[in-house]
Amino acid sequence: MKNIIKSLLAPAVALAVLPFMASCETDTDSNPTLQHPTSFVLNTPAYAENNVYDLANSESVNLTTTQPDYGFPVVTTYEVQVSLNQAFTEVTGAEVPETVNYETLMSTYDKANMDVSAEEMNNAIVSLYQQDFGGDPSGKVLDVYVRLAAHVANADNSYCYSNVIKLPVVVSYIATMPKVVYVAAESIHGGTEGKALAPVFGLDAQWYGMVYMSAGASLTWGDADAQDNGAAVTTFDDQADAGLSEAADGGIAFANAGWYVLHFSASIADNTLTSKLTVYPGEAYVIGTVMSQSTWGHDPATQLTAPADASGEWVSPEFLAGGELRASIKVPGLDWWRTEFTLYKGDLYWRNCDIPDNWAVNVGSDYSVSCSVGQKLYVNFDYDTGRVE
């Protein structure tokens, strides 16, 4: 299961599958044909010849390139990839850390002259070093290899890679807060992939989600920035009689099967990232007008009924009135609106802004679900999808 969560954390080059444009046998100014270059030039900065980049104490690293020859001027997106090995490992599909020896930085650029985030580069190199050698590389002068991946938006066949350049750098371990949190277990998404948790609305460094855990399953988690960045659960609190314990694979073992709400929190002190997982009973509710609530909140009368396992659907009571859908996962100690969700194109959409009026007015009509008397809410919390009918 560690391999599943690690594969999530390794940034991958996403390939779009939409057609770029129509083409014909003869290029014209109004309908040019997209060429497919195999490479392009990344210049070695003059600074790198006689200097060492102190990444932890720098804002950026300037890189310049020449746009790939796509046959005509077109907006190009550049991704920066770094490695400790000049031979970048090529794989097809998901990048697995055990076989991939590079990382793709999170930020992308659309100019041939780009100021690359020194912090992102620093953290990626620290992660690669820890994977290969363990320990802390802070203060060591390392040769780092850099290349660019370029592509044109909505053209899956436009990807090409630059030459590789070498930069001498000094890095430092810097604890960073996760931006996204994923969890994985044999009972989540069939054990084939992880699941993203939702940020708690209005509270920094907190995430939540509903999962089904089979008896004896181990839960692992990680962030989207790095495989090893201090992101181990420091403490866990069992508020659901889940029978939590440390698992042999480094995760958290659940002795008892069932639906659970996970509540993660994280903090940084003395350059160390610490985290806490609290596990609560799995509970979800319909809120407000459609349940004729005078005081909106988590009420036993409006609670969804849980299925037997991850393959089933949660089902709400019948709606008592017409109106807009409002629903929420219960995280004890948090207001219902901090963990609210609606439906957007069949997927659960987690609240991420103030809603003084309603979803239709404050977010948009596409995020507002109109309900009628007698209808019910059906939710698959394994894949976070739902419907009203």
Protein backbone atom coordinates (compact mmCIF):
# COMPACT_ATOMS: atom_id res chain seq x y z
CA MET A 1 0.00 0.00 0.00
CA LYS A 2 2.96 2.32 0.49
CA ASN A 3 3.69 1.95 -3.19
CA ILE A 4 0.19 3.15 -4.03
CA ILE A 5 0.49 6.34 -2.03
CA LYS A 6 4.04 6.92 -3.27
CA SER A 7 2.89 6.67 -6.86
CA LEU A 8 0.34 9.35 -6.11
CA LEU A 9 2.95 11.63 -4.68
CA ALA A 10 5.42 11.45 -7.56
CA PRO A 11 4.40 14.27 -9.88
CA ALA A 12 3.47 12.93 -13.29
CA VAL A 13 3.25 14.63 -16.64
CA ALA A 14 -0.48 14.71 -17.39
CA LEU A 15 -1.41 14.12 -21.00
CA ALA A 16 -4.49 15.89 -22.29
CA VAL A 17 -6.68 13.99 -24.69
CA LEU A 18 -8.58 16.75 -26.43
CA PRO A 19 -7.88 17.48 -30.11
CA PHE A 20 -5.66 20.49 -30.65
CA MET A 21 -6.98 21.69 -33.95
CA ALA A 22 -8.08 20.50 -37.33
CA SER A 23 -5.37 19.94 -39.90
CA CYS A 24 -5.21 19.48 -43.62
CA GLU A 25 -2.68 18.30 -46.13
CA THR A 26 -1.45 21.83 -46.84
CA ASP A 27 -0.63 24.36 -44.13
CA THR A 28 -2.30 27.76 -44.37
CA ASP A 29 -2.05 30.80 -42.14
CA SER A 30 -5.58 30.16 -40.90
CA ASN A 31 -5.15 26.44 -40.37
CA PRO A 32 -1.49 25.50 -39.68
CA THR A 33 -0.46 21.94 -38.92
CA LEU A 34 1.10 21.22 -35.54
CA GLN A 35 4.59 19.80 -35.95
CA HIS A 36 6.01 17.25 -33.51
CA PRO A 37 9.52 18.23 -32.41
CA THR A 38 11.58 15.61 -30.61
CA SER A 39 13.72 18.00 -28.57
CA PHE A 40 14.62 21.63 -27.91
CA VAL A 41 17.45 23.56 -26.27
CA LEU A 42 17.70 24.43 -22.57
CA ASN A 43 20.60 26.83 -22.02
CA THR A 44 23.11 26.35 -19.20
CA PRO A 45 23.06 29.55 -17.10
CA ALA A 46 26.34 31.46 -17.15
CA TYR A 47 26.07 31.69 -13.34
CA ALA A 48 26.43 27.91 -13.07
CA GLU A 49 29.92 27.89 -14.57
CA ASN A 50 31.69 29.33 -11.51
CA ASN A 51 29.05 29.46 -8.77
CA VAL A 52 26.93 27.23 -6.57
CA TYR A 53 23.21 27.88 -6.20
CA ASP A 54 22.19 28.17 -2.53
CA LEU A 55 18.60 27.15 -3.11
CA ALA A 56 17.30 27.55 0.44
CA ASN A 57 18.42 31.18 0.45
CA SER A 58 17.37 32.08 -3.09
CA GLU A 59 14.07 33.18 -4.56
CA SER A 60 14.51 31.65 -7.98
CA VAL A 61 16.78 30.05 -10.56
CA ASN A 62 16.64 31.70 -13.97
CA LEU A 63 16.38 29.31 -16.92
CA THR A 64 16.14 30.20 -20.60
CA THR A 65 15.17 28.10 -23.56
CA THR A 66 14.09 28.28 -27.18
CA GLN A 67 10.51 27.29 -27.92
CA PRO A 68 10.18 23.87 -29.56
CA ASP A 69 9.56 24.06 -33.29
CA TYR A 70 5.84 23.37 -33.47
CA GLY A 71 5.70 24.89 -36.96
CA PHE A 72 4.24 28.22 -35.86
CA PRO A 73 4.26 30.46 -32.74
CA VAL A 74 2.02 28.98 -30.07
CA VAL A 75 1.67 29.32 -26.30
CA THR A 76 3.84 26.61 -24.77
CA THR A 77 3.74 25.25 -21.23
CA TYR A 78 7.07 24.30 -19.65
CA GLU A 79 7.50 21.93 -16.71
CA VAL A 80 10.81 21.71 -14.85
CA GLN A 81 12.20 18.28 -13.97
CA VAL A 82 15.18 17.69 -11.66
CA SER A 83 17.27 14.60 -10.95
CA LEU A 84 20.45 13.51 -9.20
CA ASN A 85 21.22 11.29 -12.19
CA GLN A 86 21.94 12.59 -15.67
CA ALA A 87 20.03 9.68 -17.21
CA PHE A 88 16.40 10.60 -16.58
CA THR A 89 14.38 7.40 -16.24
CA GLU A 90 11.53 7.21 -18.74
CA VAL A 91 8.34 5.35 -17.85
CA THR A 92 4.91 5.09 -19.42
CA GLY A 93 1.88 5.95 -17.31
CA ALA A 94 2.08 6.49 -13.56
CA GLU A 95 5.54 7.34 -12.28
CA VAL A 96 6.55 4.99 -9.48
CA PRO A 97 9.24 6.34 -7.12
CA GLU A 98 11.10 3.01 -7.04
CA THR A 99 11.85 3.35 -10.78
CA VAL A 100 11.64 7.09 -11.44
CA ASN A 101 14.78 9.04 -10.61
CA TYR A 102 13.44 12.57 -11.13
CA GLU A 103 10.74 14.90 -9.88
CA THR A 104 8.59 17.37 -11.76
CA LEU A 105 8.19 20.69 -9.98
CA MET A 106 4.67 21.86 -9.25
CA SER A 107 4.82 25.27 -10.94
CA THR A 108 4.61 25.57 -14.72
CA TYR A 109 5.77 28.39 -16.98
CA ASP A 110 4.63 29.83 -20.31
CA LYS A 111 7.65 31.97 -21.18
CA ALA A 112 11.01 30.86 -22.59
CA ASN A 113 12.71 32.98 -19.91
CA MET A 114 11.53 31.62 -16.57
CA ASP A 115 12.35 32.24 -12.92
CA VAL A 116 11.97 28.79 -11.41
CA SER A 117 11.02 28.56 -7.74
CA ALA A 118 14.18 27.84 -5.75
CA GLU A 119 12.07 26.48 -2.88
CA GLU A 120 10.35 23.92 -5.12
CA MET A 121 13.69 22.87 -6.59
CA ASN A 122 15.26 22.62 -3.13
CA ASN A 123 12.48 20.45 -1.74
CA ALA A 124 12.43 18.16 -4.78
CA ILE A 125 16.19 17.58 -4.54
CA VAL A 126 15.99 16.88 -0.80
CA SER A 127 13.25 14.34 -1.51
CA LEU A 128 15.31 12.63 -4.24
CA TYR A 129 18.36 12.50 -1.99
CA GLN A 130 16.38 10.94 0.86
CA GLN A 131 14.95 8.31 -1.48
CA ASP A 132 18.39 7.35 -2.80
CA PHE A 133 20.65 7.77 0.21
CA GLY A 134 18.57 8.58 3.29
CA GLY A 135 19.68 11.19 5.79
CA ASP A 136 19.81 14.96 5.49
CA PRO A 137 21.66 16.53 2.54
CA SER A 138 21.64 20.02 4.07
CA GLY A 139 24.87 21.89 3.38
CA LYS A 140 26.23 19.42 0.83
CA VAL A 141 27.22 20.60 -2.65
CA LEU A 142 25.36 18.41 -5.14
CA ASP A 143 25.36 18.18 -8.91
CA VAL A 144 21.75 18.41 -10.02
CA TYR A 145 20.50 17.68 -13.50
CA VAL A 146 17.67 19.71 -15.00
CA ARG A 147 15.56 19.38 -18.11
CA LEU A 148 12.31 20.89 -19.37
CA ALA A 149 9.18 19.14 -20.60
CA ALA A 150 7.20 21.25 -23.07
CA HIS A 151 3.72 20.84 -24.45
CA VAL A 152 0.89 22.74 -26.09
CA ALA A 153 -2.44 22.89 -24.27
CA ASN A 154 -4.98 20.29 -25.42
CA ALA A 155 -2.46 18.53 -27.67
CA ASP A 156 -1.48 15.20 -26.18
CA ASN A 157 1.05 14.52 -28.93
CA SER A 158 2.97 17.77 -28.44
CA TYR A 159 5.16 16.69 -25.50
CA CYS A 160 8.91 16.87 -25.98
CA TYR A 161 11.94 17.18 -23.72
CA SER A 162 14.95 19.46 -23.72
CA ASN A 163 18.57 18.53 -23.33
CA VAL A 164 19.84 17.99 -19.78
CA ILE A 165 21.98 20.62 -18.02
CA LYS A 166 23.99 20.35 -14.79
CA LEU A 167 23.71 22.84 -11.92
CA PRO A 168 25.85 22.82 -8.75
CA VAL A 169 23.56 23.44 -5.76
CA VAL A 170 23.46 23.48 -1.98
CA VAL A 171 20.15 22.40 -0.47
CA SER A 172 18.60 22.48 2.98
CA TYR A 173 15.75 20.48 4.43
CA ILE A 174 12.77 22.81 4.81
CA ALA A 175 9.61 21.45 6.39
CA THR A 176 6.64 22.47 4.25
CA MET A 177 2.93 22.20 4.85
CA PRO A 178 1.08 19.71 2.60
CA LYS A 179 -1.13 21.39 0.02
CA VAL A 180 -3.11 18.23 -0.74
CA VAL A 181 -3.55 15.11 1.39
CA TYR A 182 -4.18 11.64 -0.05
CA VAL A 183 -5.03 8.45 1.82
CA ALA A 184 -4.66 4.87 0.58
CA ALA A 185 -5.74 1.45 1.84
CA GLU A 186 -6.77 -1.89 0.35
CA SER A 187 -10.42 -0.94 0.86
CA ILE A 188 -10.15 2.56 -0.70
CA HIS A 189 -10.80 2.63 -4.46
CA GLY A 190 -10.32 -1.12 -4.50
CA GLY A 191 -6.74 -0.74 -3.32
CA THR A 192 -5.64 0.54 -6.73
CA GLU A 193 -5.25 4.25 -6.02
CA GLY A 194 -5.47 6.80 -3.25
CA LYS A 195 -8.18 9.27 -2.41
CA ALA A 196 -7.83 13.02 -1.91
CA LEU A 197 -9.22 14.46 1.31
CA ALA A 198 -11.02 17.81 1.38
CA PRO A 199 -9.61 20.89 3.12
CA VAL A 200 -11.69 22.04 6.07
CA PHE A 201 -13.29 25.29 4.93
CA GLY A 202 -11.92 28.33 6.74
CA LEU A 203 -9.28 26.47 8.77
CA ASP A 204 -5.67 26.11 7.66
CA ALA A 205 -3.80 22.80 7.64
CA GLN A 206 -6.85 20.60 8.28
CA TRP A 207 -8.39 17.96 5.98
CA TYR A 208 -11.26 15.49 6.25
CA GLY A 209 -12.97 12.69 4.38
CA MET A 210 -15.11 9.57 4.62
CA VAL A 211 -13.53 6.14 4.05
CA TYR A 212 -14.41 2.50 4.49
CA MET A 213 -11.73 0.42 6.22
CA SER A 214 -11.79 -3.36 6.17
CA ALA A 215 -10.70 -5.26 9.29
CA GLY A 216 -6.93 -5.30 9.58
CA ALA A 217 -6.39 -2.82 6.74
CA SER A 218 -3.55 -0.30 6.96
CA LEU A 219 -4.08 3.38 6.13
CA THR A 220 -1.20 5.38 4.63
CA TRP A 221 -1.16 9.02 3.69
CA GLY A 222 1.01 11.57 1.94
CA ASP A 223 1.06 14.98 0.31
CA ALA A 224 1.32 15.96 -3.32
CA ASP A 225 4.64 17.78 -3.01
CA ALA A 226 7.10 15.08 -1.96
CA GLN A 227 7.36 11.43 -1.08
CA ASP A 228 9.39 11.97 2.09
CA ASN A 229 8.96 15.38 3.63
CA GLY A 230 8.38 14.57 7.29
CA ALA A 231 4.77 13.65 6.54
CA ALA A 232 4.35 10.81 9.02
CA VAL A 233 1.44 10.75 11.43
CA THR A 234 2.88 11.88 14.74
CA THR A 235 -0.17 11.01 16.84
CA PHE A 236 -3.55 9.39 16.26
CA ASP A 237 -6.74 9.53 18.28
CA ASP A 238 -9.38 6.80 18.04
CA GLN A 239 -12.83 8.29 18.70
CA ALA A 240 -14.69 5.56 16.82
CA ASP A 241 -13.62 2.28 18.44
CA ALA A 242 -11.72 1.52 15.24
CA GLY A 243 -8.97 -0.35 17.10
CA LEU A 244 -6.11 1.80 15.80
CA SER A 245 -2.48 0.72 16.08
CA GLU A 246 0.80 1.16 14.25
CA ALA A 247 0.94 -1.13 11.23
CA ALA A 248 3.98 -3.12 10.16
CA ASP A 249 4.15 -1.16 6.88
CA GLY A 250 4.39 2.15 8.72
CA GLY A 251 0.72 3.01 8.29
CA ILE A 252 -2.14 2.92 10.79
CA ALA A 253 -3.93 -0.41 11.21
CA PHE A 254 -7.71 -0.57 11.73
CA ALA A 255 -8.73 -3.66 13.70
CA ASN A 256 -12.45 -3.10 13.15
CA ALA A 257 -14.16 -2.77 9.79
CA GLY A 258 -16.49 0.13 9.16
CA TRP A 259 -17.08 3.60 7.80
CA TYR A 260 -14.95 6.30 9.38
CA VAL A 261 -14.47 10.04 9.12
CA LEU A 262 -10.79 10.99 9.01
CA HIS A 263 -9.70 14.38 10.34
CA PHE A 264 -6.07 15.32 9.69
CA SER A 265 -4.28 18.34 11.11
CA ALA A 266 -0.67 19.41 10.61
CA SER A 267 1.74 21.97 12.04
CA ILE A 268 5.38 22.98 11.68
CA ALA A 269 7.71 23.77 14.59
CA ASP A 270 11.52 23.82 14.64
CA ASN A 271 11.55 22.88 10.94
CA THR A 272 9.64 19.68 11.67
CA LEU A 273 6.26 18.79 10.23
CA THR A 274 4.02 17.02 12.74
CA SER A 275 0.53 15.73 12.14
CA LYS A 276 -2.42 14.26 13.95
CA LEU A 277 -5.12 11.90 12.73
CA THR A 278 -8.43 11.71 14.57
CA VAL A 279 -10.83 8.96 13.53
CA TYR A 280 -14.57 9.48 14.11
CA PRO A 281 -17.62 7.34 13.32
CA GLY A 282 -18.72 7.77 9.71
CA GLU A 283 -21.72 10.10 9.64
CA ALA A 284 -23.23 12.30 6.92
CA TYR A 285 -26.36 14.44 6.92
CA VAL A 286 -28.72 16.41 4.73
CA ILE A 287 -29.10 19.92 6.12
CA GLY A 288 -31.59 22.75 5.94
CA THR A 289 -34.65 23.54 3.85
CA VAL A 290 -35.24 20.16 2.20
CA MET A 291 -35.46 18.57 5.65
CA SER A 292 -37.65 21.40 7.03
CA GLN A 293 -35.01 22.31 9.62
CA SER A 294 -35.65 25.46 11.59
CA THR A 295 -32.14 25.24 13.04
CA TRP A 296 -29.67 23.92 10.49
CA GLY A 297 -27.27 21.26 11.64
CA HIS A 298 -26.50 17.57 12.09
CA ASP A 299 -29.78 16.01 13.24
CA PRO A 300 -30.29 12.23 13.67
CA ALA A 301 -33.53 12.58 11.70
CA THR A 302 -31.62 13.80 8.62
CA GLN A 303 -28.72 11.33 8.77
CA LEU A 304 -27.82 9.20 5.75
CA THR A 305 -27.85 5.42 6.16
CA ALA A 306 -24.46 3.79 5.55
CA PRO A 307 -24.01 0.77 3.26
CA ALA A 308 -22.37 -2.46 4.38
CA ASP A 309 -19.06 -1.76 2.65
CA ALA A 310 -17.24 0.51 0.20
CA SER A 311 -19.16 -0.77 -2.83
CA GLY A 312 -22.54 0.48 -1.64
CA GLU A 313 -24.33 3.83 -1.55
CA TRP A 314 -25.31 5.99 1.39
CA VAL A 315 -28.99 6.95 1.26
CA SER A 316 -30.70 9.92 2.89
CA PRO A 317 -34.24 10.07 4.27
CA GLU A 318 -36.85 11.35 1.83
CA PHE A 319 -36.81 15.12 1.45
CA LEU A 320 -39.66 16.82 3.29
CA ALA A 321 -39.69 19.97 1.18
CA GLY A 322 -38.40 21.39 -2.07
CA GLY A 323 -35.29 23.52 -2.15
CA GLU A 324 -31.55 23.49 -2.66
CA LEU A 325 -29.48 20.52 -1.51
CA ARG A 326 -27.27 21.20 1.50
CA ALA A 327 -25.31 18.27 2.96
CA SER A 328 -22.39 17.73 5.30
CA ILE A 329 -20.00 15.15 6.75
CA LYS A 330 -19.91 15.30 10.53
CA VAL A 331 -16.56 16.11 12.12
CA PRO A 332 -17.22 16.56 15.85
CA GLY A 333 -16.16 19.97 17.05
CA LEU A 334 -16.53 21.60 13.63
CA ASP A 335 -19.53 23.57 12.36
CA TRP A 336 -21.53 21.72 9.71
CA TRP A 337 -20.78 24.35 7.07
CA ARG A 338 -17.03 23.77 7.34
CA THR A 339 -17.51 20.25 5.97
CA GLU A 340 -20.40 20.92 3.58
CA PHE A 341 -20.67 19.46 0.10
CA THR A 342 -22.90 19.68 -2.94
CA LEU A 343 -22.97 17.84 -6.28
CA TYR A 344 -21.21 19.09 -9.40
CA LYS A 345 -21.54 16.99 -12.56
CA GLY A 346 -22.09 13.89 -10.45
CA ASP A 347 -19.12 14.42 -8.14
CA LEU A 348 -19.08 15.68 -4.58
CA TYR A 349 -17.91 19.29 -4.47
CA TRP A 350 -16.58 20.45 -1.13
CA ARG A 351 -17.38 23.92 0.13
CA ASN A 352 -14.45 26.29 -0.31
CA CYS A 353 -15.96 29.77 0.02
CA ASP A 354 -18.46 31.82 1.99
CA ILE A 355 -22.09 31.09 1.10
CA PRO A 356 -24.23 33.76 2.78
CA ASP A 357 -27.19 33.05 0.47
CA ASN A 358 -26.99 29.68 -1.30
CA TRP A 359 -24.90 27.70 -3.76
CA ALA A 360 -26.78 29.08 -6.77
CA VAL A 361 -26.25 32.73 -5.86
CA ASN A 362 -22.79 32.60 -4.30
CA VAL A 363 -21.05 29.86 -6.30
CA GLY A 364 -23.06 29.23 -9.46
CA SER A 365 -26.11 27.44 -10.77
CA ASP A 366 -24.03 24.43 -11.87
CA TYR A 367 -23.18 23.81 -8.21
CA SER A 368 -26.77 24.07 -7.02
CA VAL A 369 -29.00 20.97 -6.88
CA SER A 370 -32.76 21.56 -6.81
CA CYS A 371 -34.64 18.96 -4.79
CA SER A 372 -38.29 17.93 -4.63
CA VAL A 373 -40.41 16.39 -1.90
CA GLY A 374 -39.90 12.62 -1.72
CA GLN A 375 -36.52 12.56 -3.43
CA LYS A 376 -33.38 11.21 -1.73
CA LEU A 377 -29.64 11.84 -1.82
CA TYR A 378 -27.47 8.87 -2.84
CA VAL A 379 -23.71 9.05 -2.22
CA ASN A 380 -20.79 6.76 -3.01
CA PHE A 381 -18.23 7.96 -0.46
CA ASP A 382 -15.54 5.63 -1.76
CA TYR A 383 -15.33 7.57 -5.03
CA ASP A 384 -17.08 10.75 -3.76
CA THR A 385 -19.89 10.71 -6.29
CA GLY A 386 -23.61 11.23 -5.82
CA ARG A 387 -27.04 11.91 -7.23
CA VAL A 388 -30.50 13.10 -6.19
CA GLU A 389 -33.55 11.21 -7.39
